[in-house]
Amino acid sequence: MARVLLLGAGFSHNWNGWLAGEILSDLFGRLADDPDLRDVLGCAGNFEDALSEIQEQYKADPSGANRARLERMQGAVMATFRAMNEAFARRPGMEFSNERQFSIIDFLARFDAIFTLNQDLLLELHYNIDLHEPRRWNGHHFPGMRPPAGRNNAVGPFLGDRLRLVWQPEEEFRVERNLQPIFKLHGSVNWHAGAVLRARL
């Protein structure tokens, strides 16, 4: 029987990641001078639904005004996640103890697959599975997504590299052998599809 793990926002919160309400509060602050977007955000109750509504309005009417609204909302969301991810990058790692028996990474590496609702980059920054379970895993990957051309699954040795990487969809969806699959069910802040309007960062 396969062993799978489902992670939610409470997982990142252990490393001071923000919960949904905290992300919403941060976005309200970033959009303080835009009552229209604040109203959309307040009515939606979460940034995903608010962003989806504004994207649909832009698709229905790709005017300059709707494009500006979409760019402003996307920019605010990206800035919120960038602040959180930069805080993760300043951490020395995921572990809370030097004792192997209490290792977070060892625990995560036990699973045949990880499913996560989180869109932050905590795992991309600090989950170095290949250092913990070399007998079973040669690393981890995100099925269906690929890093920029020429970059391997290790995505670079430096945290700054990992913060700046933009991933795009693979032409073929597959789960690689000997790599632990991580499925980000809500997508990720560093995933972009070519057809999606990108925020100006």
N, C-alpha and C. Protein backbone atom coordinates (compact mmCIF):
# COMPACT_ATOMS: atom_id res chain seq x y z
N MET A 1 0.84 -1.19 0.00
CA MET A 1 0.00 0.00 0.00
C MET A 1 0.88 1.24 0.00
N ALA A 2 0.56 2.17 -0.88
CA ALA A 2 1.34 3.41 -0.98
C ALA A 2 1.11 4.29 0.24
N ARG A 3 2.16 4.93 0.66
CA ARG A 3 2.07 5.88 1.77
C ARG A 3 2.16 7.29 1.20
N VAL A 4 1.10 8.07 1.38
CA VAL A 4 1.08 9.43 0.86
C VAL A 4 0.85 10.40 2.01
N LEU A 5 1.32 11.62 1.82
CA LEU A 5 1.21 12.67 2.84
C LEU A 5 0.54 13.88 2.23
N LEU A 6 -0.46 14.42 2.91
CA LEU A 6 -1.13 15.65 2.47
C LEU A 6 -0.74 16.77 3.42
N LEU A 7 -0.19 17.85 2.87
CA LEU A 7 0.22 19.00 3.65
C LEU A 7 -0.65 20.20 3.31
N GLY A 8 -0.97 21.00 4.34
CA GLY A 8 -1.72 22.23 4.14
C GLY A 8 -0.94 23.41 4.69
N ALA A 9 -1.62 24.56 4.79
CA ALA A 9 -0.94 25.78 5.22
C ALA A 9 -0.34 25.65 6.61
N GLY A 10 -0.95 24.81 7.45
CA GLY A 10 -0.42 24.63 8.78
C GLY A 10 0.99 24.07 8.80
N PHE A 11 1.40 23.39 7.72
CA PHE A 11 2.75 22.84 7.66
C PHE A 11 3.78 23.97 7.59
N SER A 12 3.63 24.89 6.65
CA SER A 12 4.57 26.01 6.52
C SER A 12 4.53 26.93 7.73
N HIS A 13 3.41 26.94 8.42
CA HIS A 13 3.27 27.80 9.59
C HIS A 13 4.29 27.44 10.68
N ASN A 14 4.74 26.20 10.69
CA ASN A 14 5.77 25.79 11.65
C ASN A 14 7.07 26.57 11.46
N TRP A 15 7.29 27.10 10.26
CA TRP A 15 8.48 27.90 9.96
C TRP A 15 8.10 29.37 9.77
N ASN A 16 7.01 29.77 10.42
CA ASN A 16 6.48 31.14 10.36
C ASN A 16 5.88 31.51 9.01
N GLY A 17 5.49 30.48 8.22
CA GLY A 17 4.73 30.77 7.02
C GLY A 17 3.36 31.29 7.39
N TRP A 18 2.76 32.04 6.50
CA TRP A 18 1.48 32.69 6.81
C TRP A 18 0.31 31.77 6.50
N LEU A 19 -0.67 31.82 7.37
CA LEU A 19 -1.94 31.15 7.13
C LEU A 19 -2.79 32.00 6.18
N ALA A 20 -3.91 31.43 5.71
CA ALA A 20 -4.72 32.12 4.71
C ALA A 20 -5.16 33.50 5.17
N GLY A 21 -5.58 33.61 6.43
CA GLY A 21 -6.02 34.90 6.94
C GLY A 21 -4.90 35.92 7.00
N GLU A 22 -3.68 35.46 7.27
CA GLU A 22 -2.53 36.37 7.31
C GLU A 22 -2.14 36.83 5.92
N ILE A 23 -2.24 35.95 4.94
CA ILE A 23 -2.00 36.35 3.55
C ILE A 23 -3.03 37.39 3.12
N LEU A 24 -4.28 37.17 3.49
CA LEU A 24 -5.34 38.11 3.15
C LEU A 24 -5.08 39.47 3.78
N SER A 25 -4.68 39.49 5.03
CA SER A 25 -4.38 40.75 5.71
C SER A 25 -3.24 41.49 5.04
N ASP A 26 -2.20 40.76 4.66
CA ASP A 26 -1.07 41.39 3.98
C ASP A 26 -1.50 41.99 2.65
N LEU A 27 -2.35 41.29 1.91
CA LEU A 27 -2.82 41.80 0.62
C LEU A 27 -3.68 43.05 0.80
N PHE A 28 -4.51 43.08 1.83
CA PHE A 28 -5.30 44.28 2.08
C PHE A 28 -4.39 45.48 2.30
N GLY A 29 -3.27 45.26 3.00
CA GLY A 29 -2.32 46.35 3.21
C GLY A 29 -1.67 46.80 1.93
N ARG A 30 -1.31 45.87 1.06
CA ARG A 30 -0.66 46.22 -0.20
C ARG A 30 -1.61 46.90 -1.17
N LEU A 31 -2.91 46.65 -1.01
CA LEU A 31 -3.92 47.25 -1.90
C LEU A 31 -4.70 48.36 -1.20
N ALA A 32 -4.09 48.94 -0.18
CA ALA A 32 -4.79 49.95 0.64
C ALA A 32 -5.29 51.13 -0.18
N ASP A 33 -4.60 51.46 -1.27
CA ASP A 33 -4.98 52.64 -2.06
C ASP A 33 -5.90 52.29 -3.23
N ASP A 34 -6.40 51.05 -3.28
CA ASP A 34 -7.25 50.62 -4.39
C ASP A 34 -8.53 50.00 -3.84
N PRO A 35 -9.55 50.85 -3.59
CA PRO A 35 -10.81 50.34 -3.00
C PRO A 35 -11.51 49.31 -3.87
N ASP A 36 -11.36 49.39 -5.18
CA ASP A 36 -11.98 48.42 -6.08
C ASP A 36 -11.43 47.02 -5.81
N LEU A 37 -10.11 46.88 -5.82
CA LEU A 37 -9.51 45.57 -5.60
C LEU A 37 -9.71 45.09 -4.16
N ARG A 38 -9.73 46.00 -3.22
CA ARG A 38 -10.00 45.61 -1.84
C ARG A 38 -11.42 45.05 -1.70
N ASP A 39 -12.37 45.65 -2.43
CA ASP A 39 -13.74 45.14 -2.40
C ASP A 39 -13.83 43.74 -2.98
N VAL A 40 -13.14 43.53 -4.12
CA VAL A 40 -13.13 42.20 -4.74
C VAL A 40 -12.53 41.18 -3.77
N LEU A 41 -11.43 41.56 -3.14
CA LEU A 41 -10.75 40.67 -2.20
C LEU A 41 -11.64 40.38 -0.99
N GLY A 42 -12.32 41.41 -0.49
CA GLY A 42 -13.18 41.23 0.68
C GLY A 42 -14.38 40.34 0.38
N CYS A 43 -14.98 40.52 -0.80
CA CYS A 43 -16.14 39.70 -1.17
C CYS A 43 -15.73 38.25 -1.42
N ALA A 44 -14.56 38.06 -2.02
CA ALA A 44 -14.10 36.70 -2.32
C ALA A 44 -13.70 35.95 -1.06
N GLY A 45 -13.07 36.66 -0.12
CA GLY A 45 -12.67 36.02 1.13
C GLY A 45 -11.33 35.31 1.07
N ASN A 46 -10.75 35.15 -0.13
CA ASN A 46 -9.41 34.58 -0.28
C ASN A 46 -8.83 35.08 -1.59
N PHE A 47 -7.50 35.06 -1.68
CA PHE A 47 -6.87 35.67 -2.84
C PHE A 47 -7.07 34.84 -4.10
N GLU A 48 -7.20 33.51 -3.98
CA GLU A 48 -7.37 32.67 -5.16
C GLU A 48 -8.65 33.03 -5.91
N ASP A 49 -9.77 33.14 -5.18
CA ASP A 49 -11.04 33.46 -5.83
C ASP A 49 -11.04 34.89 -6.35
N ALA A 50 -10.42 35.81 -5.60
CA ALA A 50 -10.35 37.20 -6.05
C ALA A 50 -9.55 37.30 -7.34
N LEU A 51 -8.40 36.65 -7.38
CA LEU A 51 -7.56 36.68 -8.58
C LEU A 51 -8.27 36.03 -9.76
N SER A 52 -8.96 34.91 -9.51
CA SER A 52 -9.69 34.23 -10.57
C SER A 52 -10.77 35.14 -11.15
N GLU A 53 -11.47 35.86 -10.29
CA GLU A 53 -12.53 36.77 -10.76
C GLU A 53 -11.95 37.86 -11.66
N ILE A 54 -10.82 38.42 -11.25
CA ILE A 54 -10.21 39.50 -12.03
C ILE A 54 -9.64 38.97 -13.34
N GLN A 55 -9.10 37.75 -13.31
CA GLN A 55 -8.63 37.13 -14.55
C GLN A 55 -9.77 36.90 -15.52
N GLU A 56 -10.91 36.43 -15.02
CA GLU A 56 -12.06 36.20 -15.89
C GLU A 56 -12.58 37.50 -16.48
N GLN A 57 -12.57 38.56 -15.70
CA GLN A 57 -13.00 39.87 -16.22
C GLN A 57 -12.07 40.35 -17.32
N TYR A 58 -10.78 40.08 -17.14
CA TYR A 58 -9.82 40.49 -18.19
C TYR A 58 -10.02 39.67 -19.46
N LYS A 59 -10.27 38.35 -19.30
CA LYS A 59 -10.50 37.51 -20.48
C LYS A 59 -11.75 37.96 -21.24
N ALA A 60 -12.79 38.34 -20.49
CA ALA A 60 -14.04 38.78 -21.12
C ALA A 60 -13.89 40.15 -21.78
N ASP A 61 -13.05 41.00 -21.19
CA ASP A 61 -12.86 42.36 -21.71
C ASP A 61 -11.39 42.75 -21.50
N PRO A 62 -10.51 42.41 -22.46
CA PRO A 62 -9.08 42.68 -22.30
C PRO A 62 -8.72 44.14 -22.54
N SER A 63 -9.40 45.01 -21.85
CA SER A 63 -9.13 46.45 -21.99
C SER A 63 -7.88 46.82 -21.18
N GLY A 64 -7.39 48.01 -21.43
CA GLY A 64 -6.23 48.50 -20.69
C GLY A 64 -6.51 48.60 -19.20
N ALA A 65 -7.72 49.02 -18.87
CA ALA A 65 -8.07 49.16 -17.46
C ALA A 65 -8.11 47.80 -16.76
N ASN A 66 -8.71 46.80 -17.42
CA ASN A 66 -8.77 45.47 -16.81
C ASN A 66 -7.39 44.82 -16.75
N ARG A 67 -6.56 45.11 -17.73
CA ARG A 67 -5.19 44.60 -17.68
C ARG A 67 -4.44 45.20 -16.48
N ALA A 68 -4.64 46.50 -16.26
CA ALA A 68 -3.97 47.16 -15.14
C ALA A 68 -4.45 46.60 -13.80
N ARG A 69 -5.77 46.31 -13.70
CA ARG A 69 -6.31 45.71 -12.48
C ARG A 69 -5.68 44.35 -12.22
N LEU A 70 -5.58 43.54 -13.30
CA LEU A 70 -5.01 42.20 -13.17
C LEU A 70 -3.54 42.28 -12.78
N GLU A 71 -2.80 43.16 -13.41
CA GLU A 71 -1.38 43.28 -13.08
C GLU A 71 -1.19 43.75 -11.64
N ARG A 72 -2.07 44.65 -11.19
CA ARG A 72 -1.95 45.14 -9.82
C ARG A 72 -2.23 44.02 -8.82
N MET A 73 -3.27 43.24 -9.06
CA MET A 73 -3.59 42.15 -8.15
C MET A 73 -2.51 41.07 -8.18
N GLN A 74 -2.08 40.69 -9.37
CA GLN A 74 -1.01 39.68 -9.46
C GLN A 74 0.27 40.18 -8.80
N GLY A 75 0.58 41.45 -9.01
CA GLY A 75 1.78 42.01 -8.39
C GLY A 75 1.71 41.98 -6.88
N ALA A 76 0.53 42.27 -6.32
CA ALA A 76 0.36 42.24 -4.87
C ALA A 76 0.51 40.82 -4.33
N VAL A 77 -0.10 39.85 -5.02
CA VAL A 77 0.01 38.44 -4.59
C VAL A 77 1.45 37.99 -4.65
N MET A 78 2.14 38.32 -5.75
CA MET A 78 3.55 37.91 -5.88
C MET A 78 4.41 38.56 -4.81
N ALA A 79 4.14 39.83 -4.48
CA ALA A 79 4.93 40.51 -3.45
C ALA A 79 4.70 39.89 -2.08
N THR A 80 3.47 39.48 -1.80
CA THR A 80 3.17 38.82 -0.53
C THR A 80 3.93 37.51 -0.41
N PHE A 81 3.87 36.70 -1.44
CA PHE A 81 4.59 35.42 -1.39
C PHE A 81 6.10 35.62 -1.43
N ARG A 82 6.55 36.65 -2.13
CA ARG A 82 7.99 36.90 -2.16
C ARG A 82 8.50 37.23 -0.76
N ALA A 83 7.75 38.02 -0.01
CA ALA A 83 8.15 38.36 1.36
C ALA A 83 8.22 37.11 2.22
N MET A 84 7.24 36.23 2.09
CA MET A 84 7.23 35.00 2.87
C MET A 84 8.38 34.07 2.45
N ASN A 85 8.60 33.93 1.15
CA ASN A 85 9.64 33.04 0.67
C ASN A 85 11.04 33.55 1.01
N GLU A 86 11.22 34.86 0.99
CA GLU A 86 12.51 35.42 1.39
C GLU A 86 12.78 35.17 2.87
N ALA A 87 11.73 35.18 3.67
CA ALA A 87 11.89 34.85 5.09
C ALA A 87 12.29 33.39 5.25
N PHE A 88 11.69 32.50 4.46
CA PHE A 88 12.10 31.09 4.48
C PHE A 88 13.58 30.95 4.09
N ALA A 89 13.99 31.71 3.08
CA ALA A 89 15.35 31.60 2.58
C ALA A 89 16.38 32.06 3.61
N ARG A 90 15.98 32.90 4.52
CA ARG A 90 16.90 33.37 5.56
C ARG A 90 17.09 32.34 6.67
N ARG A 91 16.24 31.31 6.68
CA ARG A 91 16.37 30.26 7.68
C ARG A 91 17.52 29.34 7.31
N PRO A 92 18.18 28.74 8.29
CA PRO A 92 19.27 27.81 7.98
C PRO A 92 18.80 26.48 7.41
N GLY A 93 17.54 26.15 7.57
CA GLY A 93 17.02 24.89 7.07
C GLY A 93 15.68 24.57 7.68
N MET A 94 15.22 23.33 7.51
CA MET A 94 13.91 22.91 8.00
C MET A 94 13.97 22.27 9.38
N GLU A 95 15.14 21.83 9.77
CA GLU A 95 15.24 21.03 10.98
C GLU A 95 15.14 21.87 12.25
N PHE A 96 14.49 21.30 13.26
CA PHE A 96 14.39 21.93 14.58
C PHE A 96 15.33 21.27 15.59
N SER A 97 15.95 20.17 15.18
CA SER A 97 16.82 19.42 16.08
C SER A 97 18.00 18.86 15.30
N ASN A 98 19.13 18.72 15.96
CA ASN A 98 20.30 18.10 15.34
C ASN A 98 20.28 16.58 15.46
N GLU A 99 19.29 16.05 16.17
CA GLU A 99 19.20 14.61 16.35
C GLU A 99 18.43 13.99 15.19
N ARG A 100 19.02 12.99 14.56
CA ARG A 100 18.46 12.38 13.36
C ARG A 100 17.07 11.80 13.61
N GLN A 101 16.83 11.31 14.80
CA GLN A 101 15.53 10.69 15.08
C GLN A 101 14.38 11.70 15.04
N PHE A 102 14.70 13.00 15.13
CA PHE A 102 13.67 14.03 15.08
C PHE A 102 13.69 14.80 13.75
N SER A 103 14.35 14.25 12.75
CA SER A 103 14.51 14.95 11.47
C SER A 103 13.19 15.08 10.72
N ILE A 104 12.85 16.30 10.34
CA ILE A 104 11.67 16.56 9.51
C ILE A 104 11.87 15.96 8.12
N ILE A 105 13.05 16.14 7.57
CA ILE A 105 13.31 15.66 6.21
C ILE A 105 13.27 14.14 6.16
N ASP A 106 13.81 13.48 7.17
CA ASP A 106 13.71 12.02 7.23
C ASP A 106 12.25 11.57 7.25
N PHE A 107 11.43 12.29 8.01
CA PHE A 107 10.01 11.95 8.08
C PHE A 107 9.35 12.10 6.71
N LEU A 108 9.58 13.22 6.04
CA LEU A 108 8.96 13.45 4.74
C LEU A 108 9.43 12.42 3.71
N ALA A 109 10.68 12.01 3.81
CA ALA A 109 11.25 11.08 2.83
C ALA A 109 10.67 9.67 2.94
N ARG A 110 9.93 9.38 4.00
CA ARG A 110 9.34 8.04 4.15
C ARG A 110 8.18 7.80 3.18
N PHE A 111 7.62 8.88 2.63
CA PHE A 111 6.37 8.75 1.87
C PHE A 111 6.64 8.49 0.39
N ASP A 112 5.71 7.75 -0.22
CA ASP A 112 5.80 7.45 -1.64
C ASP A 112 5.46 8.67 -2.49
N ALA A 113 4.69 9.59 -1.93
CA ALA A 113 4.34 10.83 -2.62
C ALA A 113 3.87 11.85 -1.58
N ILE A 114 4.09 13.11 -1.90
CA ILE A 114 3.61 14.20 -1.06
C ILE A 114 2.64 15.04 -1.88
N PHE A 115 1.48 15.30 -1.31
CA PHE A 115 0.50 16.20 -1.91
C PHE A 115 0.40 17.42 -0.99
N THR A 116 0.53 18.60 -1.55
CA THR A 116 0.51 19.80 -0.73
C THR A 116 -0.41 20.86 -1.32
N LEU A 117 -1.10 21.57 -0.46
CA LEU A 117 -1.95 22.68 -0.87
C LEU A 117 -1.18 23.99 -0.87
N ASN A 118 0.05 23.96 -0.36
CA ASN A 118 0.84 25.18 -0.21
C ASN A 118 1.40 25.66 -1.54
N GLN A 119 1.40 26.97 -1.72
CA GLN A 119 1.94 27.58 -2.94
C GLN A 119 3.26 28.28 -2.68
N ASP A 120 3.73 28.22 -1.44
CA ASP A 120 5.01 28.85 -1.11
C ASP A 120 6.16 27.94 -1.53
N LEU A 121 7.40 28.39 -1.27
CA LEU A 121 8.59 27.68 -1.74
C LEU A 121 9.39 27.04 -0.61
N LEU A 122 8.76 26.74 0.50
CA LEU A 122 9.49 26.14 1.62
C LEU A 122 10.18 24.84 1.20
N LEU A 123 9.46 23.95 0.54
CA LEU A 123 10.05 22.67 0.15
C LEU A 123 11.14 22.87 -0.91
N GLU A 124 10.91 23.77 -1.86
CA GLU A 124 11.91 24.02 -2.89
C GLU A 124 13.20 24.56 -2.29
N LEU A 125 13.08 25.33 -1.23
CA LEU A 125 14.25 25.96 -0.62
C LEU A 125 15.03 25.03 0.31
N HIS A 126 14.31 24.20 1.07
CA HIS A 126 14.97 23.50 2.17
C HIS A 126 14.80 21.98 2.20
N TYR A 127 14.06 21.42 1.28
CA TYR A 127 13.84 19.97 1.32
C TYR A 127 14.92 19.28 0.50
N ASN A 128 16.04 18.96 1.12
CA ASN A 128 17.16 18.31 0.45
C ASN A 128 17.11 16.80 0.72
N ILE A 129 16.14 16.17 0.09
CA ILE A 129 15.88 14.75 0.36
C ILE A 129 17.04 13.86 -0.04
N ASP A 130 17.78 14.24 -1.09
CA ASP A 130 18.84 13.37 -1.59
C ASP A 130 19.96 13.20 -0.58
N LEU A 131 20.04 14.08 0.40
CA LEU A 131 21.05 13.95 1.44
C LEU A 131 20.61 13.00 2.55
N HIS A 132 19.32 12.60 2.54
CA HIS A 132 18.78 11.81 3.65
C HIS A 132 18.41 10.39 3.28
N GLU A 133 17.88 10.19 2.08
CA GLU A 133 17.43 8.86 1.69
C GLU A 133 18.06 8.44 0.36
N PRO A 134 19.40 8.42 0.27
CA PRO A 134 20.05 8.09 -1.01
C PRO A 134 19.77 6.67 -1.47
N ARG A 135 19.42 5.78 -0.55
CA ARG A 135 19.16 4.40 -0.95
C ARG A 135 17.82 4.25 -1.67
N ARG A 136 16.88 5.14 -1.37
CA ARG A 136 15.57 5.04 -2.00
C ARG A 136 15.35 6.11 -3.06
N TRP A 137 15.70 7.34 -2.76
CA TRP A 137 15.42 8.46 -3.64
C TRP A 137 16.72 9.10 -4.13
N ASN A 138 16.71 9.53 -5.37
CA ASN A 138 17.81 10.33 -5.92
C ASN A 138 17.47 11.82 -5.87
N GLY A 139 16.41 12.15 -5.21
CA GLY A 139 15.94 13.53 -5.13
C GLY A 139 14.42 13.55 -5.17
N HIS A 140 13.87 14.70 -5.42
CA HIS A 140 12.41 14.84 -5.55
C HIS A 140 12.11 15.63 -6.82
N HIS A 141 10.85 15.61 -7.24
CA HIS A 141 10.46 16.42 -8.40
C HIS A 141 8.98 16.76 -8.31
N PHE A 142 8.58 17.69 -9.18
CA PHE A 142 7.21 18.16 -9.24
C PHE A 142 6.63 17.71 -10.59
N PRO A 143 5.94 16.58 -10.60
CA PRO A 143 5.46 16.03 -11.88
C PRO A 143 4.63 17.05 -12.66
N GLY A 144 4.90 17.10 -13.95
CA GLY A 144 4.16 18.00 -14.83
C GLY A 144 4.78 19.38 -14.97
N MET A 145 5.81 19.67 -14.17
CA MET A 145 6.45 20.98 -14.22
C MET A 145 7.96 20.80 -14.45
N ARG A 146 8.57 21.81 -15.06
CA ARG A 146 10.00 21.76 -15.31
C ARG A 146 10.64 23.10 -15.00
N PRO A 147 11.90 23.07 -14.53
CA PRO A 147 12.63 24.31 -14.31
C PRO A 147 13.11 24.85 -15.65
N PRO A 148 13.71 26.04 -15.67
CA PRO A 148 14.22 26.59 -16.94
C PRO A 148 15.20 25.64 -17.62
N ALA A 149 15.32 25.76 -18.94
CA ALA A 149 16.21 24.89 -19.71
C ALA A 149 17.62 24.96 -19.14
N GLY A 150 18.22 23.78 -19.04
CA GLY A 150 19.58 23.72 -18.55
C GLY A 150 19.70 23.61 -17.05
N ARG A 151 18.57 23.65 -16.34
CA ARG A 151 18.62 23.50 -14.89
C ARG A 151 18.10 22.12 -14.51
N ASN A 152 18.79 21.45 -13.62
CA ASN A 152 18.35 20.11 -13.24
C ASN A 152 17.40 20.16 -12.06
N ASN A 153 16.98 18.99 -11.58
CA ASN A 153 16.01 18.94 -10.48
C ASN A 153 16.54 19.49 -9.18
N ALA A 154 17.87 19.57 -9.05
CA ALA A 154 18.42 20.14 -7.83
C ALA A 154 18.17 21.64 -7.75
N VAL A 155 17.84 22.24 -8.89
CA VAL A 155 17.52 23.67 -9.04
C VAL A 155 18.56 24.58 -8.40
N GLY A 156 19.80 24.19 -8.50
CA GLY A 156 20.86 25.10 -8.09
C GLY A 156 21.19 24.99 -6.62
N PRO A 157 22.45 25.24 -6.29
CA PRO A 157 22.89 25.09 -4.90
C PRO A 157 22.55 26.28 -4.01
N PHE A 158 22.21 27.41 -4.60
CA PHE A 158 22.02 28.62 -3.81
C PHE A 158 20.54 28.95 -3.64
N LEU A 159 20.17 29.37 -2.44
CA LEU A 159 18.77 29.67 -2.17
C LEU A 159 18.27 30.81 -3.05
N GLY A 160 19.14 31.77 -3.35
CA GLY A 160 18.74 32.87 -4.23
C GLY A 160 18.33 32.38 -5.60
N ASP A 161 19.04 31.34 -6.10
CA ASP A 161 18.67 30.75 -7.39
C ASP A 161 17.27 30.15 -7.32
N ARG A 162 16.99 29.46 -6.24
CA ARG A 162 15.70 28.78 -6.11
C ARG A 162 14.56 29.78 -5.96
N LEU A 163 14.83 30.91 -5.33
CA LEU A 163 13.80 31.94 -5.19
C LEU A 163 13.40 32.52 -6.54
N ARG A 164 14.36 32.64 -7.44
CA ARG A 164 14.11 33.34 -8.70
C ARG A 164 13.65 32.44 -9.84
N LEU A 165 13.74 31.11 -9.66
CA LEU A 165 13.37 30.20 -10.75
C LEU A 165 11.90 30.29 -11.10
N VAL A 166 11.60 30.28 -12.39
CA VAL A 166 10.23 30.22 -12.89
C VAL A 166 10.05 28.88 -13.58
N TRP A 167 9.11 28.08 -13.10
CA TRP A 167 8.84 26.76 -13.66
C TRP A 167 7.68 26.84 -14.66
N GLN A 168 7.71 25.97 -15.66
CA GLN A 168 6.67 25.94 -16.68
C GLN A 168 6.19 24.52 -16.89
N PRO A 169 4.98 24.35 -17.47
CA PRO A 169 4.43 23.00 -17.65
C PRO A 169 5.27 22.17 -18.61
N GLU A 170 5.37 20.88 -18.28
CA GLU A 170 6.00 19.91 -19.18
C GLU A 170 5.02 19.55 -20.30
N GLU A 171 5.56 19.16 -21.43
CA GLU A 171 4.70 18.69 -22.51
C GLU A 171 4.05 17.35 -22.15
N GLU A 172 4.76 16.54 -21.37
CA GLU A 172 4.25 15.23 -20.98
C GLU A 172 4.25 15.12 -19.46
N PHE A 173 3.13 14.69 -18.90
CA PHE A 173 3.05 14.49 -17.45
C PHE A 173 3.53 13.09 -17.12
N ARG A 174 4.53 13.00 -16.26
CA ARG A 174 5.02 11.68 -15.85
C ARG A 174 5.65 11.77 -14.47
N VAL A 175 5.62 10.65 -13.79
CA VAL A 175 6.29 10.53 -12.49
C VAL A 175 7.59 9.79 -12.71
N GLU A 176 8.69 10.41 -12.34
CA GLU A 176 10.01 9.84 -12.58
C GLU A 176 10.33 8.74 -11.56
N ARG A 177 11.03 7.73 -12.03
CA ARG A 177 11.48 6.67 -11.12
C ARG A 177 12.61 7.21 -10.24
N ASN A 178 12.63 6.76 -9.00
CA ASN A 178 13.69 7.10 -8.05
C ASN A 178 13.68 8.56 -7.61
N LEU A 179 12.65 9.32 -7.99
CA LEU A 179 12.49 10.68 -7.50
C LEU A 179 11.16 10.75 -6.76
N GLN A 180 11.17 11.25 -5.56
CA GLN A 180 9.93 11.36 -4.80
C GLN A 180 9.04 12.44 -5.43
N PRO A 181 7.80 12.10 -5.80
CA PRO A 181 6.94 13.10 -6.42
C PRO A 181 6.27 14.00 -5.38
N ILE A 182 6.26 15.28 -5.68
CA ILE A 182 5.54 16.26 -4.86
C ILE A 182 4.51 16.93 -5.76
N PHE A 183 3.24 16.77 -5.42
CA PHE A 183 2.15 17.33 -6.20
C PHE A 183 1.61 18.57 -5.49
N LYS A 184 1.78 19.73 -6.10
CA LYS A 184 1.28 20.98 -5.53
C LYS A 184 -0.11 21.21 -6.11
N LEU A 185 -1.13 20.86 -5.34
CA LEU A 185 -2.50 20.78 -5.85
C LEU A 185 -3.07 22.14 -6.23
N HIS A 186 -2.60 23.20 -5.61
CA HIS A 186 -3.06 24.55 -5.93
C HIS A 186 -2.05 25.30 -6.79
N GLY A 187 -1.08 24.59 -7.33
CA GLY A 187 -0.04 25.27 -8.09
C GLY A 187 1.00 25.86 -7.15
N SER A 188 1.84 26.71 -7.70
CA SER A 188 2.92 27.30 -6.92
C SER A 188 3.16 28.72 -7.40
N VAL A 189 3.64 29.53 -6.50
CA VAL A 189 3.87 30.94 -6.83
C VAL A 189 4.93 31.10 -7.91
N ASN A 190 5.79 30.09 -8.11
CA ASN A 190 6.83 30.20 -9.14
C ASN A 190 6.49 29.43 -10.41
N TRP A 191 5.23 29.02 -10.57
CA TRP A 191 4.80 28.34 -11.79
C TRP A 191 4.10 29.33 -12.70
N HIS A 192 4.48 29.31 -13.97
CA HIS A 192 3.86 30.20 -14.95
C HIS A 192 3.54 29.41 -16.20
N ALA A 193 2.38 29.67 -16.78
CA ALA A 193 2.02 29.13 -18.08
C ALA A 193 2.15 30.26 -19.09
N GLY A 194 2.59 29.96 -20.29
CA GLY A 194 2.83 31.00 -21.27
C GLY A 194 1.62 31.86 -21.58
N ALA A 195 0.42 31.26 -21.47
CA ALA A 195 -0.78 32.01 -21.83
C ALA A 195 -1.26 32.93 -20.72
N VAL A 196 -0.68 32.78 -19.53
CA VAL A 196 -1.14 33.58 -18.40
C VAL A 196 -0.40 34.90 -18.37
N LEU A 197 -1.12 35.97 -18.16
CA LEU A 197 -0.50 37.29 -18.04
C LEU A 197 0.40 37.31 -16.83
N ARG A 198 1.66 37.65 -17.01
CA ARG A 198 2.60 37.65 -15.91
C ARG A 198 2.60 39.00 -15.20
N ALA A 199 2.77 38.94 -13.90
CA ALA A 199 2.89 40.17 -13.13
C ALA A 199 4.26 40.80 -13.37
N ARG A 200 4.31 42.09 -13.33
CA ARG A 200 5.60 42.78 -13.42
C ARG A 200 6.17 42.89 -12.02
N LEU A 201 7.31 42.24 -11.81
CA LEU A 201 7.90 42.17 -10.48
C LEU A 201 8.95 43.26 -10.31
